Amino acid sequence: LAATGTSKVDIVGHSQGGMMPRHYLKFLGGAAKVNAL
């Protein structure tokens, strides 16, 4: 976000990489910085 000057990202994950971001979204404030998973 700092490098691109944007306020949100989209995340694409494979296997664990598609599940693990849900912890970030739910417990670490990631929902404010992510448009789509």
Full PDB file with SEQRES, HELIX, SHEET, SSBOND, CRYST1, ORIGX, SCALE, CONECT and MASTER records, all heavy atoms in Angstrom:
SEQRES   1 A   37  LEU ALA ALA THR GLY THR SER LYS VAL ASP ILE VAL GLY          
SEQRES   2 A   37  HIS SER GLN GLY GLY MET MET PRO ARG HIS TYR LEU LYS          
SEQRES   3 A   37  PHE LEU GLY GLY ALA ALA LYS VAL ASN ALA LEU                  
HELIX    1 AA1 GLN A   16  PHE A   27  1                                  12    
HELIX    2 AA2 GLY A   30  ALA A   32  5                                   3    
SHEET    1 AA1 2 VAL A   9  ASP A  10  0                                        
SHEET    2 AA1 2 VAL A  34  ALA A  36  1                                        
CRYST1    1.000    1.000    1.000  90.00  90.00  90.00 P 1           1          
ORIGX1      1.000000  0.000000  0.000000        0.00000                         
ORIGX2      0.000000  1.000000  0.000000        0.00000                         
ORIGX3      0.000000  0.000000  1.000000        0.00000                         
SCALE1      1.000000  0.000000  0.000000        0.00000                         
SCALE2      0.000000  1.000000  0.000000        0.00000                         
SCALE3      0.000000  0.000000  1.000000        0.00000                         
ATOM      1  N   LEU A   1       0.829  -1.204   0.000  1.00  0.00           N  
ATOM      2  CA  LEU A   1       0.000   0.000   0.000  1.00  0.00           C  
ATOM      3  C   LEU A   1       0.866   1.257   0.000  1.00  0.00           C  
ATOM      4  O   LEU A   1       0.579   2.226  -0.727  1.00  0.00           O  
ATOM      5  CB  LEU A   1      -0.929   0.002   1.214  1.00  0.00           C  
ATOM      6  CG  LEU A   1      -2.033  -1.058   1.235  1.00  0.00           C  
ATOM      7  CD1 LEU A   1      -2.821  -0.979   2.545  1.00  0.00           C  
ATOM      8  CD2 LEU A   1      -2.971  -0.911   0.042  1.00  0.00           C  
ATOM      9  N   ALA A   2       1.929   1.244   0.783  1.00  0.00           N  
ATOM     10  CA  ALA A   2       2.818   2.401   0.836  1.00  0.00           C  
ATOM     11  C   ALA A   2       3.511   2.619  -0.505  1.00  0.00           C  
ATOM     12  O   ALA A   2       3.657   3.761  -0.970  1.00  0.00           O  
ATOM     13  CB  ALA A   2       3.848   2.219   1.945  1.00  0.00           C  
ATOM     14  N   ALA A   3       3.935   1.540  -1.149  1.00  0.00           N  
ATOM     15  CA  ALA A   3       4.658   1.662  -2.416  1.00  0.00           C  
ATOM     16  C   ALA A   3       3.753   2.127  -3.550  1.00  0.00           C  
ATOM     17  O   ALA A   3       4.173   2.888  -4.426  1.00  0.00           O  
ATOM     18  CB  ALA A   3       5.294   0.322  -2.779  1.00  0.00           C  
ATOM     19  N   THR A   4       2.497   1.669  -3.550  1.00  0.00           N  
ATOM     20  CA  THR A   4       1.597   1.969  -4.654  1.00  0.00           C  
ATOM     21  C   THR A   4       0.714   3.185  -4.409  1.00  0.00           C  
ATOM     22  O   THR A   4       0.065   3.680  -5.333  1.00  0.00           O  
ATOM     23  CB  THR A   4       0.682   0.759  -4.950  1.00  0.00           C  
ATOM     24  OG1 THR A   4      -0.062   0.428  -3.759  1.00  0.00           O  
ATOM     25  CG2 THR A   4       1.509  -0.437  -5.393  1.00  0.00           C  
ATOM     26  N   GLY A   5       0.671   3.667  -3.170  1.00  0.00           N  
ATOM     27  CA  GLY A   5      -0.149   4.828  -2.851  1.00  0.00           C  
ATOM     28  C   GLY A   5      -1.636   4.545  -2.884  1.00  0.00           C  
ATOM     29  O   GLY A   5      -2.444   5.459  -3.082  1.00  0.00           O  
ATOM     30  N   THR A   6      -2.010   3.293  -2.668  1.00  0.00           N  
ATOM     31  CA  THR A   6      -3.424   2.913  -2.683  1.00  0.00           C  
ATOM     32  C   THR A   6      -3.914   2.648  -1.264  1.00  0.00           C  
ATOM     33  O   THR A   6      -3.114   2.508  -0.332  1.00  0.00           O  
ATOM     34  CB  THR A   6      -3.637   1.664  -3.545  1.00  0.00           C  
ATOM     35  OG1 THR A   6      -2.748   0.631  -3.113  1.00  0.00           O  
ATOM     36  CG2 THR A   6      -3.356   1.969  -5.013  1.00  0.00           C  
ATOM     37  N   SER A   7      -5.219   2.561  -1.116  1.00  0.00           N  
ATOM     38  CA  SER A   7      -5.783   2.350   0.220  1.00  0.00           C  
ATOM     39  C   SER A   7      -6.194   0.904   0.459  1.00  0.00           C  
ATOM     40  O   SER A   7      -6.386   0.499   1.608  1.00  0.00           O  
ATOM     41  CB  SER A   7      -6.999   3.256   0.432  1.00  0.00           C  
ATOM     42  OG  SER A   7      -8.016   2.976  -0.523  1.00  0.00           O  
ATOM     43  N   LYS A   8      -6.347   0.121  -0.625  1.00  0.00           N  
ATOM     44  CA  LYS A   8      -6.749  -1.277  -0.486  1.00  0.00           C  
ATOM     45  C   LYS A   8      -6.045  -2.143  -1.525  1.00  0.00           C  
ATOM     46  O   LYS A   8      -5.628  -1.655  -2.579  1.00  0.00           O  
ATOM     47  CB  LYS A   8      -8.264  -1.443  -0.638  1.00  0.00           C  
ATOM     48  CG  LYS A   8      -9.072  -0.912   0.536  1.00  0.00           C  
ATOM     49  CD  LYS A   8     -10.532  -1.337   0.428  1.00  0.00           C  
ATOM     50  CE  LYS A   8     -11.316  -0.898   1.663  1.00  0.00           C  
ATOM     51  NZ  LYS A   8     -12.716  -1.377   1.641  1.00  0.00           N  
ATOM     52  N   VAL A   9      -5.916  -3.417  -1.187  1.00  0.00           N  
ATOM     53  CA  VAL A   9      -5.389  -4.407  -2.119  1.00  0.00           C  
ATOM     54  C   VAL A   9      -6.468  -5.459  -2.380  1.00  0.00           C  
ATOM     55  O   VAL A   9      -7.473  -5.528  -1.676  1.00  0.00           O  
ATOM     56  CB  VAL A   9      -4.127  -5.112  -1.572  1.00  0.00           C  
ATOM     57  CG1 VAL A   9      -3.039  -4.118  -1.237  1.00  0.00           C  
ATOM     58  CG2 VAL A   9      -4.474  -5.980  -0.349  1.00  0.00           C  
ATOM     59  N   ASP A  10      -6.246  -6.266  -3.399  1.00  0.00           N  
ATOM     60  CA  ASP A  10      -6.966  -7.516  -3.576  1.00  0.00           C  
ATOM     61  C   ASP A  10      -5.983  -8.642  -3.296  1.00  0.00           C  
ATOM     62  O   ASP A  10      -4.796  -8.541  -3.645  1.00  0.00           O  
ATOM     63  CB  ASP A  10      -7.513  -7.649  -4.999  1.00  0.00           C  
ATOM     64  CG  ASP A  10      -8.643  -6.675  -5.278  1.00  0.00           C  
ATOM     65  OD1 ASP A  10      -9.468  -6.445  -4.369  1.00  0.00           O  
ATOM     66  OD2 ASP A  10      -8.701  -6.134  -6.400  1.00  0.00           O  
ATOM     67  N   ILE A  11      -6.445  -9.712  -2.681  1.00  0.00           N  
ATOM     68  CA  ILE A  11      -5.591 -10.850  -2.341  1.00  0.00           C  
ATOM     69  C   ILE A  11      -6.064 -12.073  -3.107  1.00  0.00           C  
ATOM     70  O   ILE A  11      -7.260 -12.369  -3.149  1.00  0.00           O  
ATOM     71  CB  ILE A  11      -5.612 -11.131  -0.823  1.00  0.00           C  
ATOM     72  CG1 ILE A  11      -4.983  -9.972  -0.055  1.00  0.00           C  
ATOM     73  CG2 ILE A  11      -4.889 -12.441  -0.510  1.00  0.00           C  
ATOM     74  CD1 ILE A  11      -5.034 -10.141   1.469  1.00  0.00           C  
ATOM     75  N   VAL A  12      -5.115 -12.770  -3.723  1.00  0.00           N  
ATOM     76  CA  VAL A  12      -5.384 -14.053  -4.358  1.00  0.00           C  
ATOM     77  C   VAL A  12      -4.453 -15.074  -3.713  1.00  0.00           C  
ATOM     78  O   VAL A  12      -3.233 -14.886  -3.692  1.00  0.00           O  
ATOM     79  CB  VAL A  12      -5.142 -14.022  -5.881  1.00  0.00           C  
ATOM     80  CG1 VAL A  12      -5.418 -15.389  -6.499  1.00  0.00           C  
ATOM     81  CG2 VAL A  12      -6.009 -12.945  -6.535  1.00  0.00           C  
ATOM     82  N   GLY A  13      -5.021 -16.145  -3.168  1.00  0.00           N  
ATOM     83  CA  GLY A  13      -4.205 -17.145  -2.486  1.00  0.00           C  
ATOM     84  C   GLY A  13      -4.522 -18.544  -2.952  1.00  0.00           C  
ATOM     85  O   GLY A  13      -5.654 -18.851  -3.352  1.00  0.00           O  
ATOM     86  N   HIS A  14      -3.514 -19.397  -2.894  1.00  0.00           N  
ATOM     87  CA  HIS A  14      -3.660 -20.804  -3.275  1.00  0.00           C  
ATOM     88  C   HIS A  14      -3.540 -21.672  -2.033  1.00  0.00           C  
ATOM     89  O   HIS A  14      -2.613 -21.515  -1.248  1.00  0.00           O  
ATOM     90  CB  HIS A  14      -2.568 -21.181  -4.283  1.00  0.00           C  
ATOM     91  CG  HIS A  14      -2.609 -22.606  -4.743  1.00  0.00           C  
ATOM     92  ND1 HIS A  14      -1.477 -23.332  -5.021  1.00  0.00           N  
ATOM     93  CD2 HIS A  14      -3.651 -23.456  -4.956  1.00  0.00           C  
ATOM     94  CE1 HIS A  14      -1.806 -24.553  -5.406  1.00  0.00           C  
ATOM     95  NE2 HIS A  14      -3.124 -24.656  -5.364  1.00  0.00           N  
ATOM     96  N   SER A  15      -4.487 -22.585  -1.835  1.00  0.00           N  
ATOM     97  CA  SER A  15      -4.439 -23.548  -0.739  1.00  0.00           C  
ATOM     98  C   SER A  15      -4.408 -22.811   0.601  1.00  0.00           C  
ATOM     99  O   SER A  15      -5.289 -22.001   0.875  1.00  0.00           O  
ATOM    100  CB  SER A  15      -3.241 -24.492  -0.933  1.00  0.00           C  
ATOM    101  OG  SER A  15      -3.316 -25.607  -0.086  1.00  0.00           O  
ATOM    102  N   GLN A  16      -3.395 -23.044   1.451  1.00  0.00           N  
ATOM    103  CA  GLN A  16      -3.307 -22.297   2.704  1.00  0.00           C  
ATOM    104  C   GLN A  16      -3.343 -20.800   2.444  1.00  0.00           C  
ATOM    105  O   GLN A  16      -3.897 -20.034   3.243  1.00  0.00           O  
ATOM    106  CB  GLN A  16      -2.014 -22.650   3.464  1.00  0.00           C  
ATOM    107  CG  GLN A  16      -1.881 -21.904   4.781  1.00  0.00           C  
ATOM    108  CD  GLN A  16      -0.513 -22.031   5.457  1.00  0.00           C  
ATOM    109  OE1 GLN A  16      -0.170 -21.244   6.333  1.00  0.00           O  
ATOM    110  NE2 GLN A  16       0.275 -23.013   5.062  1.00  0.00           N  
ATOM    111  N   GLY A  17      -2.774 -20.371   1.321  1.00  0.00           N  
ATOM    112  CA  GLY A  17      -2.744 -18.953   0.986  1.00  0.00           C  
ATOM    113  C   GLY A  17      -4.102 -18.350   0.705  1.00  0.00           C  
ATOM    114  O   GLY A  17      -4.249 -17.126   0.703  1.00  0.00           O  
ATOM    115  N   GLY A  18      -5.108 -19.183   0.462  1.00  0.00           N  
ATOM    116  CA  GLY A  18      -6.458 -18.681   0.309  1.00  0.00           C  
ATOM    117  C   GLY A  18      -7.242 -18.674   1.600  1.00  0.00           C  
ATOM    118  O   GLY A  18      -8.275 -18.008   1.713  1.00  0.00           O  
ATOM    119  N   MET A  19      -6.756 -19.413   2.585  1.00  0.00           N  
ATOM    120  CA  MET A  19      -7.407 -19.483   3.890  1.00  0.00           C  
ATOM    121  C   MET A  19      -6.738 -18.571   4.902  1.00  0.00           C  
ATOM    122  O   MET A  19      -7.401 -17.848   5.655  1.00  0.00           O  
ATOM    123  CB  MET A  19      -7.404 -20.934   4.392  1.00  0.00           C  
ATOM    124  CG  MET A  19      -7.904 -21.134   5.808  1.00  0.00           C  
ATOM    125  SD  MET A  19      -6.601 -20.984   7.077  1.00  0.00           S  
ATOM    126  CE  MET A  19      -5.645 -22.455   6.778  1.00  0.00           C  
ATOM    127  N   MET A  20      -5.414 -18.576   4.968  1.00  0.00           N  
ATOM    128  CA  MET A  20      -4.686 -17.800   5.972  1.00  0.00           C  
ATOM    129  C   MET A  20      -5.075 -16.317   5.996  1.00  0.00           C  
ATOM    130  O   MET A  20      -5.212 -15.719   7.080  1.00  0.00           O  
ATOM    131  CB  MET A  20      -3.183 -17.959   5.756  1.00  0.00           C  
ATOM    132  CG  MET A  20      -2.309 -17.121   6.674  1.00  0.00           C  
ATOM    133  SD  MET A  20      -1.902 -15.494   6.003  1.00  0.00           S  
ATOM    134  CE  MET A  20      -0.571 -15.913   4.885  1.00  0.00           C  
ATOM    135  N   PRO A  21      -5.278 -15.665   4.829  1.00  0.00           N  
ATOM    136  CA  PRO A  21      -5.655 -14.246   4.885  1.00  0.00           C  
ATOM    137  C   PRO A  21      -6.942 -13.979   5.647  1.00  0.00           C  
ATOM    138  O   PRO A  21      -7.158 -12.856   6.120  1.00  0.00           O  
ATOM    139  CB  PRO A  21      -5.804 -13.876   3.402  1.00  0.00           C  
ATOM    140  CG  PRO A  21      -4.892 -14.812   2.679  1.00  0.00           C  
ATOM    141  CD  PRO A  21      -5.016 -16.105   3.437  1.00  0.00           C  
ATOM    142  N   ARG A  22      -7.797 -14.981   5.797  1.00  0.00           N  
ATOM    143  CA  ARG A  22      -9.032 -14.770   6.556  1.00  0.00           C  
ATOM    144  C   ARG A  22      -8.734 -14.451   8.014  1.00  0.00           C  
ATOM    145  O   ARG A  22      -9.500 -13.709   8.659  1.00  0.00           O  
ATOM    146  CB  ARG A  22      -9.939 -15.988   6.442  1.00  0.00           C  
ATOM    147  CG  ARG A  22     -10.505 -16.202   5.030  1.00  0.00           C  
ATOM    148  CD  ARG A  22     -11.369 -17.442   4.954  1.00  0.00           C  
ATOM    149  NE  ARG A  22     -12.366 -17.457   6.012  1.00  0.00           N  
ATOM    150  CZ  ARG A  22     -12.658 -18.537   6.751  1.00  0.00           C  
ATOM    151  NH1 ARG A  22     -12.024 -19.695   6.545  1.00  0.00           N  
ATOM    152  NH2 ARG A  22     -13.564 -18.469   7.696  1.00  0.00           N  
ATOM    153  N   HIS A  23      -7.641 -14.980   8.548  1.00  0.00           N  
ATOM    154  CA  HIS A  23      -7.239 -14.620   9.916  1.00  0.00           C  
ATOM    155  C   HIS A  23      -6.835 -13.145   9.957  1.00  0.00           C  
ATOM    156  O   HIS A  23      -7.195 -12.420  10.899  1.00  0.00           O  
ATOM    157  CB  HIS A  23      -6.086 -15.511  10.375  1.00  0.00           C  
ATOM    158  CG  HIS A  23      -5.654 -15.249  11.787  1.00  0.00           C  
ATOM    159  ND1 HIS A  23      -6.179 -15.920  12.866  1.00  0.00           N  
ATOM    160  CD2 HIS A  23      -4.742 -14.376  12.306  1.00  0.00           C  
ATOM    161  CE1 HIS A  23      -5.620 -15.481  13.987  1.00  0.00           C  
ATOM    162  NE2 HIS A  23      -4.745 -14.535  13.673  1.00  0.00           N  
ATOM    163  N   TYR A  24      -6.113 -12.707   8.952  1.00  0.00           N  
ATOM    164  CA  TYR A  24      -5.714 -11.301   8.841  1.00  0.00           C  
ATOM    165  C   TYR A  24      -6.947 -10.409   8.756  1.00  0.00           C  
ATOM    166  O   TYR A  24      -7.027  -9.370   9.428  1.00  0.00           O  
ATOM    167  CB  TYR A  24      -4.825 -11.144   7.606  1.00  0.00           C  
ATOM    168  CG  TYR A  24      -4.572  -9.738   7.153  1.00  0.00           C  
ATOM    169  CD1 TYR A  24      -4.005  -8.783   7.996  1.00  0.00           C  
ATOM    170  CD2 TYR A  24      -4.877  -9.348   5.840  1.00  0.00           C  
ATOM    171  CE1 TYR A  24      -3.761  -7.480   7.557  1.00  0.00           C  
ATOM    172  CE2 TYR A  24      -4.626  -8.070   5.390  1.00  0.00           C  
ATOM    173  CZ  TYR A  24      -4.074  -7.135   6.256  1.00  0.00           C  
ATOM    174  OH  TYR A  24      -3.828  -5.856   5.808  1.00  0.00           O  
ATOM    175  N   LEU A  25      -7.930 -10.807   7.955  1.00  0.00           N  
ATOM    176  CA  LEU A  25      -9.132 -10.005   7.797  1.00  0.00           C  
ATOM    177  C   LEU A  25      -9.947  -9.955   9.084  1.00  0.00           C  
ATOM    178  O   LEU A  25     -10.490  -8.900   9.455  1.00  0.00           O  
ATOM    179  CB  LEU A  25     -10.010 -10.587   6.680  1.00  0.00           C  
ATOM    180  CG  LEU A  25      -9.412 -10.639   5.277  1.00  0.00           C  
ATOM    181  CD1 LEU A  25     -10.382 -11.304   4.313  1.00  0.00           C  
ATOM    182  CD2 LEU A  25      -9.039  -9.258   4.790  1.00  0.00           C  
ATOM    183  N   LYS A  26     -10.025 -11.071   9.779  1.00  0.00           N  
ATOM    184  CA  LYS A  26     -10.949 -11.197  10.913  1.00  0.00           C  
ATOM    185  C   LYS A  26     -10.368 -10.692  12.225  1.00  0.00           C  
ATOM    186  O   LYS A  26     -11.098 -10.109  13.048  1.00  0.00           O  
ATOM    187  CB  LYS A  26     -11.356 -12.667  11.070  1.00  0.00           C  
ATOM    188  CG  LYS A  26     -12.541 -12.915  11.984  1.00  0.00           C  
ATOM    189  CD  LYS A  26     -13.031 -14.348  11.851  1.00  0.00           C  
ATOM    190  CE  LYS A  26     -14.323 -14.588  12.606  1.00  0.00           C  
ATOM    191  NZ  LYS A  26     -14.834 -15.972  12.427  1.00  0.00           N  
ATOM    192  N   PHE A  27      -9.067 -10.875  12.420  1.00  0.00           N  
ATOM    193  CA  PHE A  27      -8.483 -10.601  13.727  1.00  0.00           C  
ATOM    194  C   PHE A  27      -7.407  -9.518  13.735  1.00  0.00           C  
ATOM    195  O   PHE A  27      -7.034  -9.050  14.809  1.00  0.00           O  
ATOM    196  CB  PHE A  27      -7.892 -11.888  14.317  1.00  0.00           C  
ATOM    197  CG  PHE A  27      -8.887 -12.990  14.509  1.00  0.00           C  
ATOM    198  CD1 PHE A  27      -8.820 -14.140  13.747  1.00  0.00           C  
ATOM    199  CD2 PHE A  27      -9.906 -12.872  15.451  1.00  0.00           C  
ATOM    200  CE1 PHE A  27      -9.741 -15.165  13.915  1.00  0.00           C  
ATOM    201  CE2 PHE A  27     -10.833 -13.893  15.627  1.00  0.00           C  
ATOM    202  CZ  PHE A  27     -10.757 -15.041  14.860  1.00  0.00           C  
ATOM    203  N   LEU A  28      -6.900  -9.121  12.565  1.00  0.00           N  
ATOM    204  CA  LEU A  28      -5.755  -8.206  12.523  1.00  0.00           C  
ATOM    205  C   LEU A  28      -6.053  -6.908  11.786  1.00  0.00           C  
ATOM    206  O   LEU A  28      -5.133  -6.201  11.387  1.00  0.00           O  
ATOM    207  CB  LEU A  28      -4.549  -8.910  11.873  1.00  0.00           C  
ATOM    208  CG  LEU A  28      -4.093 -10.207  12.553  1.00  0.00           C  
ATOM    209  CD1 LEU A  28      -2.949 -10.842  11.769  1.00  0.00           C  
ATOM    210  CD2 LEU A  28      -3.662  -9.943  13.996  1.00  0.00           C  
ATOM    211  N   GLY A  29      -7.325  -6.605  11.603  1.00  0.00           N  
ATOM    212  CA  GLY A  29      -7.691  -5.348  10.969  1.00  0.00           C  
ATOM    213  C   GLY A  29      -7.558  -5.319   9.466  1.00  0.00           C  
ATOM    214  O   GLY A  29      -7.657  -4.251   8.852  1.00  0.00           O  
ATOM    215  N   GLY A  30      -7.368  -6.462   8.861  1.00  0.00           N  
ATOM    216  CA  GLY A  30      -7.141  -6.491   7.420  1.00  0.00           C  
ATOM    217  C   GLY A  30      -8.342  -6.107   6.589  1.00  0.00           C  
ATOM    218  O   GLY A  30      -8.191  -5.681   5.437  1.00  0.00           O  
ATOM    219  N   ALA A  31      -9.548  -6.238   7.131  1.00  0.00           N  
ATOM    220  CA  ALA A  31     -10.743  -5.932   6.352  1.00  0.00           C  
ATOM    221  C   ALA A  31     -10.764  -4.492   5.870  1.00  0.00           C  
ATOM    222  O   ALA A  31     -11.350  -4.195   4.827  1.00  0.00           O  
ATOM    223  CB  ALA A  31     -11.993  -6.238   7.175  1.00  0.00           C  
ATOM    224  N   ALA A  32     -10.128  -3.601   6.595  1.00  0.00           N  
ATOM    225  CA  ALA A  32     -10.092  -2.195   6.202  1.00  0.00           C  
ATOM    226  C   ALA A  32      -9.121  -1.951   5.040  1.00  0.00           C  
ATOM    227  O   ALA A  32      -9.164  -0.885   4.416  1.00  0.00           O  
ATOM    228  CB  ALA A  32      -9.696  -1.328   7.391  1.00  0.00           C  
ATOM    229  N   LYS A  33      -8.272  -2.944   4.737  1.00  0.00           N  
ATOM    230  CA  LYS A  33      -7.244  -2.751   3.721  1.00  0.00           C  
ATOM    231  C   LYS A  33      -7.393  -3.697   2.538  1.00  0.00           C  
ATOM    232  O   LYS A  33      -6.552  -3.687   1.634  1.00  0.00           O  
ATOM    233  CB  LYS A  33      -5.863  -2.954   4.360  1.00  0.00           C  
ATOM    234  CG  LYS A  33      -5.590  -2.013   5.524  1.00  0.00           C  
ATOM    235  CD  LYS A  33      -4.275  -2.325   6.213  1.00  0.00           C  
ATOM    236  CE  LYS A  33      -4.044  -1.427   7.421  1.00  0.00           C  
ATOM    237  NZ  LYS A  33      -2.764  -1.735   8.114  1.00  0.00           N  
ATOM    238  N   VAL A  34      -8.438  -4.515   2.543  1.00  0.00           N  
ATOM    239  CA  VAL A  34      -8.622  -5.526   1.496  1.00  0.00           C  
ATOM    240  C   VAL A  34     -10.002  -5.386   0.886  1.00  0.00           C  
ATOM    241  O   VAL A  34     -11.012  -5.369   1.601  1.00  0.00           O  
ATOM    242  CB  VAL A  34      -8.428  -6.944   2.060  1.00  0.00           C  
ATOM    243  CG1 VAL A  34      -8.706  -7.995   0.982  1.00  0.00           C  
ATOM    244  CG2 VAL A  34      -7.004  -7.115   2.604  1.00  0.00           C  
ATOM    245  N   ASN A  35     -10.046  -5.304  -0.434  1.00  0.00           N  
ATOM    246  CA  ASN A  35     -11.315  -5.232  -1.154  1.00  0.00           C  
ATOM    247  C   ASN A  35     -11.889  -6.619  -1.416  1.00  0.00           C  
ATOM    248  O   ASN A  35     -13.082  -6.852  -1.232  1.00  0.00           O  
ATOM    249  CB  ASN A  35     -11.112  -4.504  -2.478  1.00  0.00           C  
ATOM    250  CG  ASN A  35     -12.310  -4.610  -3.398  1.00  0.00           C  
ATOM    251  OD1 ASN A  35     -13.347  -4.006  -3.139  1.00  0.00           O  
ATOM    252  ND2 ASN A  35     -12.167  -5.373  -4.479  1.00  0.00           N  
ATOM    253  N   ALA A  36     -11.019  -7.553  -1.861  1.00  0.00           N  
ATOM    254  CA  ALA A  36     -11.497  -8.881  -2.241  1.00  0.00           C  
ATOM    255  C   ALA A  36     -10.461  -9.929  -1.885  1.00  0.00           C  
ATOM    256  O   ALA A  36      -9.247  -9.686  -1.955  1.00  0.00           O  
ATOM    257  CB  ALA A  36     -11.794  -8.935  -3.739  1.00  0.00           C  
ATOM    258  N   LEU A  37     -10.956 -11.102  -1.512  1.00  0.00           N  
ATOM    259  CA  LEU A  37     -10.117 -12.268  -1.277  1.00  0.00           C  
ATOM    260  C   LEU A  37     -10.580 -13.371  -2.230  1.00  0.00           C  
ATOM    261  O   LEU A  37     -11.743 -13.775  -2.198  1.00  0.00           O  
ATOM    262  CB  LEU A  37     -10.216 -12.753   0.167  1.00  0.00           C  
ATOM    263  CG  LEU A  37      -9.557 -14.108   0.479  1.00  0.00           C  
ATOM    264  CD1 LEU A  37      -8.050 -14.061   0.209  1.00  0.00           C  
ATOM    265  CD2 LEU A  37      -9.832 -14.522   1.925  1.00  0.00           C  
TER     266      LEU A  37                                                      
MASTER        0    0    0    2    2    0    0    6  265    1    0    3          
END                                                                             
